[in-house]
Every structure is written in structure tokens, then in C-alpha cells.
C-alpha atoms as a PDB file:
ATOM      1  CA  MET A   1      25.441   1.048   2.062  1.00  0.00           C
ATOM      2  CA  ILE A   2      21.561   1.476   2.379  1.00  0.00           C
ATOM      3  CA  LYS A   3      20.079  -2.039   1.641  1.00  0.00           C
ATOM      4  CA  GLN A   4      17.121  -1.640  -0.526  1.00  0.00           C
ATOM      5  CA  GLN A   5      13.464  -2.762   0.699  1.00  0.00           C
ATOM      6  CA  ASP A   6      10.847  -3.453  -1.503  1.00  0.00           C
ATOM      7  CA  ALA A   7       8.523  -0.726  -1.363  1.00  0.00           C
ATOM      8  CA  ASN A   8       5.674  -2.729  -2.963  1.00  0.00           C
ATOM      9  CA  LEU A   9       5.379  -4.157   0.652  1.00  0.00           C
ATOM     10  CA  VAL A  10       3.222  -2.780   3.556  1.00  0.00           C
ATOM     11  CA  THR A  11       5.676  -2.918   6.196  1.00  0.00           C
ATOM     12  CA  ASP A  12       3.587  -1.958   9.015  1.00  0.00           C
ATOM     13  CA  SER A  13       3.322  -4.369  11.299  1.00  0.00           C
ATOM     14  CA  GLU A  14       0.192  -3.366  13.350  1.00  0.00           C
ATOM     15  CA  GLU A  15      -1.395  -2.712   9.680  1.00  0.00           C
ATOM     16  CA  LYS A  16      -0.275  -5.948   8.338  1.00  0.00           C
ATOM     17  CA  LYS A  17      -1.466  -8.044  11.676  1.00  0.00           C
ATOM     18  CA  TRP A  18      -4.751  -6.079  11.408  1.00  0.00           C
ATOM     19  CA  ALA A  19      -5.198  -6.974   7.568  1.00  0.00           C
ATOM     20  CA  ARG A  20      -5.061 -10.867   8.451  1.00  0.00           C
ATOM     21  CA  ARG A  21      -7.346 -10.346  11.749  1.00  0.00           C
ATOM     22  CA  ALA A  22      -9.880  -9.320   8.849  1.00  0.00           C
ATOM     23  CA  HIS A  23      -9.476 -11.962   6.644  1.00  0.00           C
ATOM     24  CA  LEU A  24      -8.898 -14.942   9.521  1.00  0.00           C
ATOM     25  CA  SER A  25     -12.300 -13.316  11.251  1.00  0.00           C
ATOM     26  CA  THR A  26     -14.213 -14.923   8.146  1.00  0.00           C
ATOM     27  CA  LEU A  27     -13.948 -18.102   9.279  1.00  0.00           C
ATOM     28  CA  LEU A  28     -16.693 -16.880  12.272  1.00  0.00           C
ATOM     29  CA  SER A  29     -19.125 -16.979  10.164  1.00  0.00           C
ATOM     30  CA  TYR A  30     -19.362 -21.051   9.917  1.00  0.00           C
ATOM     31  CA  PRO A  31     -20.669 -21.219  13.742  1.00  0.00           C
ATOM     32  CA  LEU A  32     -23.852 -18.819  12.631  1.00  0.00           C
ATOM     33  CA  PHE A  33     -25.060 -21.758  10.471  1.00  0.00           C
ATOM     34  CA  PHE A  34     -25.709 -23.797  13.370  1.00  0.00           C
ATOM     35  CA  LEU A  35     -27.891 -21.097  15.251  1.00  0.00           C
ATOM     36  CA  PRO A  36     -31.553 -20.493  14.396  1.00  0.00           C
ATOM     37  CA  PHE A  37     -31.574 -17.949  12.133  1.00  0.00           C
ATOM     38  CA  SER A  38     -32.813 -17.181   8.594  1.00  0.00           C
ATOM     39  CA  PHE A  39     -30.432 -17.318   5.917  1.00  0.00           C
ATOM     40  CA  PRO A  40     -30.677 -13.453   5.060  1.00  0.00           C
ATOM     41  CA  TRP A  41     -29.737 -13.128   8.997  1.00  0.00           C
ATOM     42  CA  VAL A  42     -26.804 -15.658   8.841  1.00  0.00           C
ATOM     43  CA  VAL A  43     -25.443 -13.747   5.661  1.00  0.00           C
ATOM     44  CA  VAL A  44     -25.338 -10.186   7.386  1.00  0.00           C
ATOM     45  CA  GLY A  45     -23.395 -12.181  10.816  1.00  0.00           C
ATOM     46  CA  ASN A  46     -21.142 -13.341   7.974  1.00  0.00           C
ATOM     47  CA  ILE A  47     -19.838  -9.623   6.880  1.00  0.00           C
ATOM     48  CA  ALA A  48     -20.346  -8.257  10.511  1.00  0.00           C
ATOM     49  CA  SER A  49     -17.084  -9.230  11.478  1.00  0.00           C
ATOM     50  CA  PRO A  50     -14.761  -7.929   8.980  1.00  0.00           C
ATOM     51  CA  PHE A  51     -16.774  -4.973   8.398  1.00  0.00           C
ATOM     52  CA  LEU A  52     -16.316  -4.168  11.945  1.00  0.00           C
ATOM     53  CA  HIS A  53     -12.673  -4.177  11.059  1.00  0.00           C
ATOM     54  CA  PHE A  54     -13.137  -2.181   8.466  1.00  0.00           C
ATOM     55  CA  LEU A  55     -14.977   0.569  10.926  1.00  0.00           C
ATOM     56  CA  SER A  56     -12.070   0.238  13.034  1.00  0.00           C
ATOM     57  CA  ARG A  57      -9.408   0.716  10.664  1.00  0.00           C
ATOM     58  CA  LYS A  58      -8.496   4.535   9.132  1.00  0.00           C
ATOM     59  CA  LYS A  59      -9.820   5.002   5.834  1.00  0.00           C
ATOM     60  CA  GLY A  60      -7.649   4.039   2.562  1.00  0.00           C
ATOM     61  CA  SER A  61      -5.536   1.959   4.800  1.00  0.00           C
ATOM     62  CA  TYR A  62      -4.081  -1.287   4.181  1.00  0.00           C
ATOM     63  CA  SER A  63      -5.962  -3.038   6.746  1.00  0.00           C
ATOM     64  CA  ALA A  64      -9.248  -1.006   5.720  1.00  0.00           C
ATOM     65  CA  LYS A  65      -9.242  -2.271   2.265  1.00  0.00           C
ATOM     66  CA  GLN A  66      -8.366  -5.839   3.162  1.00  0.00           C
ATOM     67  CA  ALA A  67     -11.630  -5.593   5.231  1.00  0.00           C
ATOM     68  CA  LEU A  68     -13.251  -4.776   2.354  1.00  0.00           C
ATOM     69  CA  GLU A  69     -11.792  -7.348   0.712  1.00  0.00           C
ATOM     70  CA  ALA A  70     -12.568  -9.943   3.263  1.00  0.00           C
ATOM     71  CA  ILE A  71     -16.096  -8.587   3.321  1.00  0.00           C
ATOM     72  CA  TYR A  72     -16.364  -9.350  -0.460  1.00  0.00           C
ATOM     73  CA  LEU A  73     -15.376 -12.799   0.501  1.00  0.00           C
ATOM     74  CA  GLN A  74     -17.540 -13.425   2.659  1.00  0.00           C
ATOM     75  CA  SER A  75     -20.694 -11.964   0.352  1.00  0.00           C
ATOM     76  CA  LEU A  76     -19.361 -13.885  -2.490  1.00  0.00           C
ATOM     77  CA  LEU A  77     -18.915 -17.317  -0.826  1.00  0.00           C
ATOM     78  CA  ALA A  78     -23.192 -16.061   1.151  1.00  0.00           C
ATOM     79  CA  LEU A  79     -24.174 -16.384  -3.047  1.00  0.00           C
ATOM     80  CA  MET A  80     -22.672 -19.621  -3.650  1.00  0.00           C
ATOM     81  CA  VAL A  81     -23.998 -21.127  -0.748  1.00  0.00           C
ATOM     82  CA  TRP A  82     -27.182 -19.772  -1.379  1.00  0.00           C
ATOM     83  CA  GLY A  83     -26.738 -21.094  -5.217  1.00  0.00           C
ATOM     84  CA  VAL A  84     -26.328 -24.244  -3.626  1.00  0.00           C
ATOM     85  CA  PHE A  85     -28.988 -24.769  -1.014  1.00  0.00           C
ATOM     86  CA  SER A  86     -31.313 -23.663  -4.376  1.00  0.00           C
ATOM     87  CA  LYS A  87     -30.160 -26.389  -6.610  1.00  0.00           C
ATOM     88  CA  PHE A  88     -29.391 -28.900  -4.604  1.00  0.00           C
ATOM     89  CA  SER A  89     -32.157 -28.611  -1.439  1.00  0.00           C
ATOM     90  CA  ASP A  90     -33.759 -31.799  -2.496  1.00  0.00           C
ATOM     91  CA  ASP A  91     -30.826 -33.849  -2.757  1.00  0.00           C
ATOM     92  CA  ARG A  92     -28.825 -34.408   0.075  1.00  0.00           C
ATOM     93  CA  PHE A  93     -25.521 -36.198  -1.572  1.00  0.00           C
ATOM     94  CA  LEU A  94     -24.794 -33.160  -4.099  1.00  0.00           C
ATOM     95  CA  LEU A  95     -25.755 -30.637  -1.151  1.00  0.00           C
ATOM     96  CA  VAL A  96     -23.079 -31.624   0.983  1.00  0.00           C
ATOM     97  CA  LEU A  97     -21.111 -32.369  -1.672  1.00  0.00           C
ATOM     98  CA  GLY A  98     -22.197 -28.392  -3.069  1.00  0.00           C
ATOM     99  CA  LEU A  99     -21.248 -27.162   0.168  1.00  0.00           C
ATOM    100  CA  GLY A 100     -17.992 -28.764   0.967  1.00  0.00           C
ATOM    101  CA  GLY A 101     -17.002 -27.614  -2.684  1.00  0.00           C
ATOM    102  CA  VAL A 102     -17.508 -23.930  -0.943  1.00  0.00           C
ATOM    103  CA  LEU A 103     -15.743 -24.927   2.158  1.00  0.00           C
ATOM    104  CA  ILE A 104     -12.805 -26.054   0.239  1.00  0.00           C
ATOM    105  CA  LEU A 105     -12.661 -23.160  -1.868  1.00  0.00           C
ATOM    106  CA  HIS A 106     -13.046 -20.803   1.268  1.00  0.00           C
ATOM    107  CA  ILE A 107      -9.836 -22.373   2.252  1.00  0.00           C
ATOM    108  CA  ILE A 108      -8.069 -22.426  -0.260  1.00  0.00           C
ATOM    109  CA  LEU A 109      -8.648 -17.788  -0.804  1.00  0.00           C
ATOM    110  CA  LEU A 110      -8.738 -17.717   2.854  1.00  0.00           C
ATOM    111  CA  SER A 111      -5.088 -19.391   3.052  1.00  0.00           C
ATOM    112  CA  ILE A 112      -3.873 -16.954  -0.191  1.00  0.00           C
ATOM    113  CA  GLY A 113      -5.184 -13.586   1.324  1.00  0.00           C
ATOM    114  CA  VAL A 114      -3.395 -14.794   4.973  1.00  0.00           C
ATOM    115  CA  PHE A 115      -0.059 -15.101   3.363  1.00  0.00           C
ATOM    116  CA  LYS A 116       0.137 -12.153   0.962  1.00  0.00           C
ATOM    117  CA  THR A 117      -1.306  -9.920   3.860  1.00  0.00           C
ATOM    118  CA  THR A 118       1.376 -11.505   6.232  1.00  0.00           C
ATOM    119  CA  LEU A 119       4.101 -10.631   3.443  1.00  0.00           C
ATOM    120  CA  GLY A 120       2.580  -7.101   3.292  1.00  0.00           C
ATOM    121  CA  LYS A 121       1.349  -7.722  -0.709  1.00  0.00           C
ATOM    122  CA  GLU A 122      -1.816  -6.141  -1.471  1.00  0.00           C
ATOM    123  CA  HIS A 123      -4.228  -8.779  -1.944  1.00  0.00           C
ATOM    124  CA  HIS A 124      -7.444  -9.150  -3.942  1.00  0.00           C
ATOM    125  CA  TYR A 125      -9.874 -11.977  -3.821  1.00  0.00           C
ATOM    126  CA  PRO A 126     -11.219 -13.301  -7.615  1.00  0.00           C
ATOM    127  CA  PHE A 127     -13.040 -10.671  -9.888  1.00  0.00           C
ATOM    128  CA  SER A 128     -13.251  -8.040  -7.052  1.00  0.00           C
ATOM    129  CA  PHE A 129     -14.067  -4.871  -7.846  1.00  0.00           C
ATOM    130  CA  PHE A 130     -12.600  -2.647  -5.224  1.00  0.00           C
ATOM    131  CA  PRO A 131      -9.255  -2.205  -7.132  1.00  0.00           C
ATOM    132  CA  ALA A 132     -11.115  -0.226  -9.731  1.00  0.00           C
ATOM    133  CA  LEU A 133     -13.252   1.811  -6.954  1.00  0.00           C
ATOM    134  CA  PHE A 134     -10.766   3.005  -4.972  1.00  0.00           C
ATOM    135  CA  ARG A 135      -7.997   3.642  -7.453  1.00  0.00           C
ATOM    136  CA  ASN A 136      -6.804   6.939  -6.693  1.00  0.00           C
ATOM    137  CA  LYS A 137      -8.340   9.414  -9.031  1.00  0.00           C
ATOM    138  CA  ARG A 138      -5.154  11.919  -9.989  1.00  0.00           C
ATOM    139  CA  THR A 139      -3.196   9.009 -10.508  1.00  0.00           C
ATOM    140  CA  ILE A 140      -5.533   7.662 -12.819  1.00  0.00           C
ATOM    141  CA  GLU A 141      -3.687   6.892 -16.534  1.00  0.00           C
ATOM    142  CA  ASN A 142      -5.251   6.127 -19.545  1.00  0.00           C
ATOM    143  CA  TRP A 143      -3.004   2.980 -20.237  1.00  0.00           C
ATOM    144  CA  LYS A 144      -3.693   2.289 -23.317  1.00  0.00           C
ATOM    145  CA  GLU A 145      -2.763   5.789 -24.671  1.00  0.00           C
ATOM    146  CA  ILE A 146       0.136   5.999 -23.001  1.00  0.00           C
ATOM    147  CA  LYS A 147       0.943   2.643 -24.291  1.00  0.00           C
ATOM    148  CA  THR A 148       1.318   4.402 -27.791  1.00  0.00           C
ATOM    149  CA  LYS A 149       3.608   6.805 -26.452  1.00  0.00           C
ATOM    150  CA  LEU A 150       6.073   4.019 -25.680  1.00  0.00           C
ATOM    151  CA  SER A 151       7.694   2.430 -28.673  1.00  0.00           C
ATOM    152  CA  ALA A 152       9.016  -0.964 -26.842  1.00  0.00           C
ATOM    153  CA  GLY A 153       6.614  -3.015 -24.657  1.00  0.00           C
ATOM    154  CA  THR A 154       8.851  -3.458 -21.950  1.00  0.00           C
ATOM    155  CA  ASP A 155       9.350   0.915 -21.613  1.00  0.00           C
ATOM    156  CA  PHE A 156       5.501   0.050 -21.286  1.00  0.00           C
ATOM    157  CA  SER A 157       6.046  -2.413 -18.532  1.00  0.00           C
ATOM    158  CA  ASP A 158       8.961  -0.303 -16.681  1.00  0.00           C
ATOM    159  CA  TYR A 159       6.740   2.949 -16.727  1.00  0.00           C
ATOM    160  CA  LYS A 160       3.515   1.134 -15.123  1.00  0.00           C
ATOM    161  CA  ALA A 161       5.626  -0.810 -12.163  1.00  0.00           C
ATOM    162  CA  MET A 162       7.591   2.462 -11.688  1.00  0.00           C
ATOM    163  CA  VAL A 163       4.414   4.629 -11.312  1.00  0.00           C
ATOM    164  CA  GLU A 164       2.562   2.253  -9.284  1.00  0.00           C
ATOM    165  CA  LYS A 165       5.393   1.879  -7.259  1.00  0.00           C
ATOM    166  CA  ILE A 166       5.121   5.321  -6.519  1.00  0.00           C
ATOM    167  CA  ASP A 167       1.807   5.027  -5.720  1.00  0.00           C
ATOM    168  CA  LEU A 168       2.325   2.825  -2.815  1.00  0.00           C
ATOM    169  CA  PHE A 169       4.964   4.635  -1.784  1.00  0.00           C
ATOM    170  CA  GLN A 170       3.373   7.526  -1.261  1.00  0.00           C
ATOM    171  CA  SER A 171       0.358   5.923   0.959  1.00  0.00           C
ATOM    172  CA  ASN A 172       3.227   4.359   3.241  1.00  0.00           C
ATOM    173  CA  LEU A 173       4.990   7.864   3.503  1.00  0.00           C
ATOM    174  CA  LYS A 174       1.927   9.407   4.028  1.00  0.00           C
ATOM    175  CA  SER A 175       0.942   6.717   6.999  1.00  0.00           C
ATOM    176  CA  GLU A 176       4.727   7.292   8.616  1.00  0.00           C
ATOM    177  CA  LEU A 177       4.507  10.919   8.647  1.00  0.00           C
ATOM    178  CA  GLU A 178       1.070  10.956  10.724  1.00  0.00           C
ATOM    179  CA  GLN A 179       2.936   9.584  13.402  1.00  0.00           C
ATOM    180  CA  PHE A 180       5.213  12.481  13.590  1.00  0.00           C
ATOM    181  CA  SER A 181       5.027  15.188  16.269  1.00  0.00           C
ATOM    182  CA  ASP A 182       7.058  17.909  15.261  1.00  0.00           C
ATOM    183  CA  PRO A 183       5.517  20.312  12.602  1.00  0.00           C
ATOM    184  CA  THR A 184       8.714  21.156  10.219  1.00  0.00           C
ATOM    185  CA  LEU A 185       9.460  17.462   9.980  1.00  0.00           C
ATOM    186  CA  LYS A 186       5.928  16.677   8.552  1.00  0.00           C
ATOM    187  CA  ALA A 187       5.567  19.667   6.540  1.00  0.00           C
ATOM    188  CA  LEU A 188       9.320  18.879   4.940  1.00  0.00           C
ATOM    189  CA  GLY A 189       7.625  15.147   4.846  1.00  0.00           C
ATOM    190  CA  LEU A 190       4.798  16.484   3.316  1.00  0.00           C
ATOM    191  CA  ASP A 191       7.107  18.777   0.869  1.00  0.00           C
ATOM    192  CA  PHE A 192       8.830  16.150  -0.483  1.00  0.00           C
ATOM    193  CA  GLU A 193       5.391  13.941  -1.058  1.00  0.00           C
ATOM    194  CA  THR A 194       4.290  17.157  -3.420  1.00  0.00           C
ATOM    195  CA  GLN A 195       7.044  17.419  -5.095  1.00  0.00           C
ATOM    196  CA  LEU A 196       6.922  14.093  -6.027  1.00  0.00           C
ATOM    197  CA  ASP A 197       3.371  14.224  -6.990  1.00  0.00           C
ATOM    198  CA  GLU A 198       4.417  16.724  -9.404  1.00  0.00           C
ATOM    199  CA  ILE A 199       6.838  14.603 -11.027  1.00  0.00           C
ATOM    200  CA  ARG A 200       4.174  11.719 -10.983  1.00  0.00           C
ATOM    201  CA  ARG A 201       1.677  13.642 -13.062  1.00  0.00           C
ATOM    202  CA  ARG A 202       4.525  15.327 -15.639  1.00  0.00           C
ATOM    203  CA  LEU A 203       5.359  12.296 -16.369  1.00  0.00           C
ATOM    204  CA  ALA A 204       1.608  10.852 -17.096  1.00  0.00           C
ATOM    205  CA  GLU A 205       1.548  13.853 -19.760  1.00  0.00           C
ATOM    206  CA  GLU A 206       4.612  12.762 -20.919  1.00  0.00           C
ATOM    207  CA  PRO A 207       5.633   9.251 -20.724  1.00  0.00           C
ATOM    208  CA  ILE A 208       8.315   8.805 -22.730  1.00  0.00           C
ATOM    209  CA  ARG A 209      10.696  10.969 -20.848  1.00  0.00           C
ATOM    210  CA  PHE A 210      10.265   8.400 -17.578  1.00  0.00           C
ATOM    211  CA  LYS A 211      13.686   7.321 -18.437  1.00  0.00           C
ATOM    212  CA  GLN A 212      14.987  10.707 -16.951  1.00  0.00           C
ATOM    213  CA  ALA A 213      13.431  10.296 -13.904  1.00  0.00           C
ATOM    214  CA  LYS A 214      14.468   6.234 -13.848  1.00  0.00           C
ATOM    215  CA  GLN A 215      17.606   6.947 -11.248  1.00  0.00           C
ATOM    216  CA  PHE A 216      16.075   9.360  -9.051  1.00  0.00           C
ATOM    217  CA  LEU A 217      13.118   7.412  -8.621  1.00  0.00           C
ATOM    218  CA  GLN A 218      14.725   4.114  -8.172  1.00  0.00           C
ATOM    219  CA  TYR A 219      16.644   5.860  -5.351  1.00  0.00           C
ATOM    220  CA  PHE A 220      15.367   8.421  -3.445  1.00  0.00           C
ATOM    221  CA  PRO A 221      11.414   7.504  -2.559  1.00  0.00           C
ATOM    222  CA  GLU A 222      13.069   3.875  -0.887  1.00  0.00           C
ATOM    223  CA  SER A 223      15.370   5.283   0.822  1.00  0.00           C
ATOM    224  CA  THR A 224      13.453   7.927   1.935  1.00  0.00           C
ATOM    225  CA  LEU A 225      10.442   5.455   3.412  1.00  0.00           C
ATOM    226  CA  LYS A 226      13.146   3.513   4.917  1.00  0.00           C
ATOM    227  CA  VAL A 227      14.970   6.465   6.911  1.00  0.00           C
ATOM    228  CA  VAL A 228      11.242   7.492   7.984  1.00  0.00           C
ATOM    229  CA  GLN A 229      10.255   4.289   9.067  1.00  0.00           C
ATOM    230  CA  SER A 230      13.604   3.793  11.192  1.00  0.00           C
ATOM    231  CA  TYR A 231      12.666   7.068  12.752  1.00  0.00           C
ATOM    232  CA  ASN A 232       9.302   6.056  13.986  1.00  0.00           C
ATOM    233  CA  LYS A 233      11.091   3.041  15.218  1.00  0.00           C
ATOM    234  CA  LEU A 234      13.152   4.480  17.517  1.00  0.00           C
ATOM    235  CA  GLY A 235      10.607   6.125  18.718  1.00  0.00           C
ATOM    236  CA  PHE A 236      11.442   9.742  18.128  1.00  0.00           C
ATOM    237  CA  SER A 237       8.465  10.817  16.296  1.00  0.00           C
ATOM    238  CA  LYS A 238       6.487  10.976  19.269  1.00  0.00           C
ATOM    239  CA  LEU A 239       8.853  13.021  21.416  1.00  0.00           C
ATOM    240  CA  THR A 240       8.139  16.599  22.312  1.00  0.00           C
ATOM    241  CA  ASN A 241       9.608  17.223  25.516  1.00  0.00           C
ATOM    242  CA  GLN A 242      12.561  16.496  27.512  1.00  0.00           C
ATOM    243  CA  GLU A 243      13.929  15.595  24.327  1.00  0.00           C
ATOM    244  CA  ASP A 244      17.776  13.873  25.132  1.00  0.00           C
ATOM    245  CA  GLU A 245      20.472  14.844  22.482  1.00  0.00           C
ATOM    246  CA  GLU A 246      20.108  11.681  20.725  1.00  0.00           C
ATOM    247  CA  SER A 247      17.161  12.533  19.714  1.00  0.00           C
ATOM    248  CA  ILE A 248      17.946  15.971  19.376  1.00  0.00           C
ATOM    249  CA  LYS A 249      20.743  15.172  16.644  1.00  0.00           C
ATOM    250  CA  ARG A 250      18.064  12.444  14.806  1.00  0.00           C
ATOM    251  CA  LYS A 251      15.883  15.191  14.481  1.00  0.00           C
ATOM    252  CA  GLU A 252      17.999  17.422  13.045  1.00  0.00           C
ATOM    253  CA  ASN A 253      19.986  14.945  10.521  1.00  0.00           C
ATOM    254  CA  LEU A 254      16.413  14.107   9.301  1.00  0.00           C
ATOM    255  CA  LYS A 255      15.348  17.275   8.645  1.00  0.00           C
ATOM    256  CA  SER A 256      18.868  17.985   6.505  1.00  0.00           C
ATOM    257  CA  LEU A 257      17.760  14.707   4.998  1.00  0.00           C
ATOM    258  CA  PHE A 258      14.567  15.912   3.842  1.00  0.00           C
ATOM    259  CA  GLU A 259      15.940  19.448   2.819  1.00  0.00           C
ATOM    260  CA  SER A 260      18.035  17.517   0.630  1.00  0.00           C
ATOM    261  CA  LEU A 261      15.628  15.049  -1.357  1.00  0.00           C
ATOM    262  CA  ASN A 262      13.490  18.170  -1.353  1.00  0.00           C
ATOM    263  CA  GLN A 263      15.813  20.572  -2.964  1.00  0.00           C
ATOM    264  CA  THR A 264      16.634  17.211  -5.590  1.00  0.00           C
ATOM    265  CA  SER A 265      13.083  16.687  -6.266  1.00  0.00           C
ATOM    266  CA  LYS A 266      12.883  20.013  -7.661  1.00  0.00           C
ATOM    267  CA  GLN A 267      15.858  20.154  -9.822  1.00  0.00           C
ATOM    268  CA  VAL A 268      14.230  16.693 -11.216  1.00  0.00           C
ATOM    269  CA  ASN A 269      11.176  18.601 -11.800  1.00  0.00           C
ATOM    270  CA  LEU A 270      12.994  21.745 -13.525  1.00  0.00           C
ATOM    271  CA  LYS A 271      14.885  19.378 -15.020  1.00  0.00           C
ATOM    272  CA  LEU A 272      12.005  17.645 -16.862  1.00  0.00           C
ATOM    273  CA  LYS A 273      10.372  20.976 -17.562  1.00  0.00           C
ATOM    274  CA  SER A 274      13.633  22.292 -19.732  1.00  0.00           C
ATOM    275  CA  GLU A 275      13.701  18.353 -21.214  1.00  0.00           C
ATOM    276  CA  GLU A 276      17.990  18.856 -20.086  1.00  0.00           C
ATOM    277  CA  ALA A 277      19.517  14.986 -19.224  1.00  0.00           C
ATOM    278  CA  PHE A 278      20.815  15.063 -15.673  1.00  0.00           C
ATOM    279  CA  HIS A 279      22.782  12.737 -13.547  1.00  0.00           C
ATOM    280  CA  LEU A 280      21.991  12.269 -10.104  1.00  0.00           C
ATOM    281  CA  ASP A 281      25.393  10.269  -9.044  1.00  0.00           C
ATOM    282  CA  VAL A 282      26.553  13.101  -6.516  1.00  0.00           C
ATOM    283  CA  GLU A 283      22.836  13.622  -5.309  1.00  0.00           C
ATOM    284  CA  ILE A 284      22.738  10.093  -4.325  1.00  0.00           C
ATOM    285  CA  ASN A 285      26.018   9.438  -2.945  1.00  0.00           C
ATOM    286  CA  ALA A 286      25.002  12.909  -0.641  1.00  0.00           C
ATOM    287  CA  LEU A 287      22.018  10.923   0.640  1.00  0.00           C
ATOM    288  CA  LYS A 288      24.265   7.953   1.364  1.00  0.00           C
ATOM    289  CA  LYS A 289      26.418   9.299   3.321  1.00  0.00           C
ATOM    290  CA  ASN A 290      23.394  11.353   5.248  1.00  0.00           C
ATOM    291  CA  VAL A 291      22.170   8.478   5.881  1.00  0.00           C
ATOM    292  CA  GLU A 292      25.008   6.814   7.149  1.00  0.00           C
ATOM    293  CA  TYR A 293      25.629   9.793   9.482  1.00  0.00           C
ATOM    294  CA  GLY A 294      22.795   9.725  10.599  1.00  0.00           C
ATOM    295  CA  GLY A 295      22.579   6.070  11.897  1.00  0.00           C
ATOM    296  CA  TYR A 296      19.787   4.819  10.022  1.00  0.00           C
ATOM    297  CA  THR A 297      21.334   2.289   8.322  1.00  0.00           C
END
């Protein structure tokens, strides 16, 4: 049996590590207050470290997005500090009290950010505009319109959770596929991603039909991500020359798996177009056997 993992979590340890570092780098701003710089230069220094983290990471990656959140946090705190100094500069007691409040708020917000990025969860600070700014345009739905098409409130909640899960899965899969050195495997993986994207668009047009694809979407994407991540962790993705028998066997198993996934995805797309009911029990059992045979469990 395959142990299903939460596709809503980022599992790449390197990405989580750099995301955590970006948030923790905001602590480096405190020594700047003891240096003889004007307030504007202190603000620039505050955002310098998370900004460098952002530049060093791949655009659109989990760690890059979290670095932007860290920049936002620093900007928000700088604004609060400026407000405290402007309001209470002539009252030392209230000034110290206000700055102490900002410090406590920073520690609380930072602790939450570090905790969530350690788990690999998406994290946004209060009133952050980055979620709206970086929303993928091809997956934007008119949620209000979709809600009217779905009769029950629970259906809408299930639909929204499902499509958000697909979006995150596609992002994680793309990151894993970039590690592949074999062009055939990479092409098959991208083909599966394309098929899934087609299902995604079709459901956005006809959300009432999401239950027909629910069985597929609950099992296949998560299992696929698990297999690809296992393949990368074993180091086979980077092998190009002098491949041993084991790596060749793994590559063939993964190739066979992707071909099965692509075929099943195309069947789902055709069934959604034809409005026919379909069941995937046979395909799911076949995938389980394929994964177990390949040693990815």
C-alpha cells in the first residue's frame, strides 16, 4: 500500500531550510539600531538580508515566496517603529513601551512563520498582498460564480480545496522534474502535468463535474509526486553515464508509470468531455502494483 502524503506541504528539505533562513534573517535588523545610521538606511538594512535570500532562490519557488513575506514583515515593522518614534519621541516611557510592543509582535509573528515553514506550509503575514499578487493567472477562478454553480456549500469547499491542492502539486512536480537529466522522463512528466492542467481548466469551466474526477485527483497526483520524489532522493535523476542495472530498472519503471498516468489522464479528459460516468478502481490498483514493483513504497 502507498502511504499518502499531504500534497499541500512542501517536502523539499532544502526549500524549507532556505525559507526558514529568510524569516530568521529578519533578526539581523536589531544590531542596525545601534549603528550611527539614519532611519531610512536602517530600513534598507532591514530588508537587505531577506532580499538577498529572494535573489538567491529560484523565481516562484517556495523559499523565494517566503523571502518576499520576510521582506513584507520587515517593511511592516519598520513602519510601526517609525510610527512609535513619531508619536512618542518626547515621552521616553511610552517610546520604550511602544518599541517593546513592536519587538514582542515581531517575535510572535516570526515564530509562527518559522514554525509553518519548518513544516513546509504556505505562510503569509497579516494583510500581506503577495498571495493576490503572485496568484497564477491561468488558475484564477471567479469563486463567486463557481459557488452559484455548485448547489451545496460543502461542494464548493471541496471543489476549492481540490483545485488549490492541484495547483500546489503542479508547482511541486515542476520543481522535482527540473532535477531529471533524462529528457524522455522529463517529457513524460511534463505531459502528465499538461494533462492535469487540461482537467483543471475543464473543471473551472464546469465545476459541477468535479465529483467525476475526484477519485482520480485524490489519488494519482499525490502518488505521482511521491514516486518522483523517491526517484530523486535515490539519486537516479542525475545519472547520465555508467548507469548500473538498478538505475536502469528504476528509470524503466518510472517511464512505465508516467505512460500509464498519461493514458489515464487522457481517459479522464475524454470522459469529462463526453459527460460519461467512469470509475478508476482498476487503474488505481494498477498504479499501486506499478509503484510497489518499482520499489517506491
